[in-house]
Amino acid sequence: MLKQQISERGRRLNERSSVLKESHKAQEGLLSAIAVGFVFILIGIIYITTSGLWDSVVAFFGNLTATVVPGTEIYLPMPTNPSVHAVFYGALFHLCLGLGILQIIVLALRFVLRSSISNAAETVGNLVFWFGAAYLVNTYLNQTTNVNTWFIFWTGMLIISGLSLIARALVLLARRAQR
């Protein structure tokens, strides 16, 4: 009799857990759909508000050539004349800034929906990355961009990627310390 009661309670707990997991998956799916929709809207707004953007994008990618990294023998892609792509860099800045703002919204929704800590940590890492990328684009890619600042920008992007991973790890570590 006691085994049967314990078995019945275990079955009910498993059913309840299954329902909660399905609800969590639906919430995460909704959050993903909102984020993807926001990205499409952001790209559309940037395209509409930036005159000559398509031509700038085509010119940027058509202008890429293998260039030696100063002080090394390594060749990496770089525009032949990086300083003439200010329109493209401006649109890239707005995209990075918009994606950073999206991450703030997603993080707030994650707290409201009580998402898992790993999802919140991922969002914090993304937030650090996109705002860091916006800062680097605004600082290094403009009318004065040359070979040195082009490769400093990419070095900064590597640093921002590392900082993003550290931010994610700190959120996970903080949660673990609370337990």
Foldseek 3Di string as FASTA:
>chain_A
DVVVVVVVVVVVVVVVVVVVVVVLVVLVVVLVVVLVVLLVVQLVVLVVVQPPQVVLVVLQVVQWDWDAQPPDRHTDIDGPQQLVSASNLVSLLSSLVSQLVSLVVSLVSCVVVVHDLLVNLLSQLSNLLSVQLSVLSVPQRHNPHDSNSVVVSVVSSVVSNVVSVVSSVVSVVVVVVVD
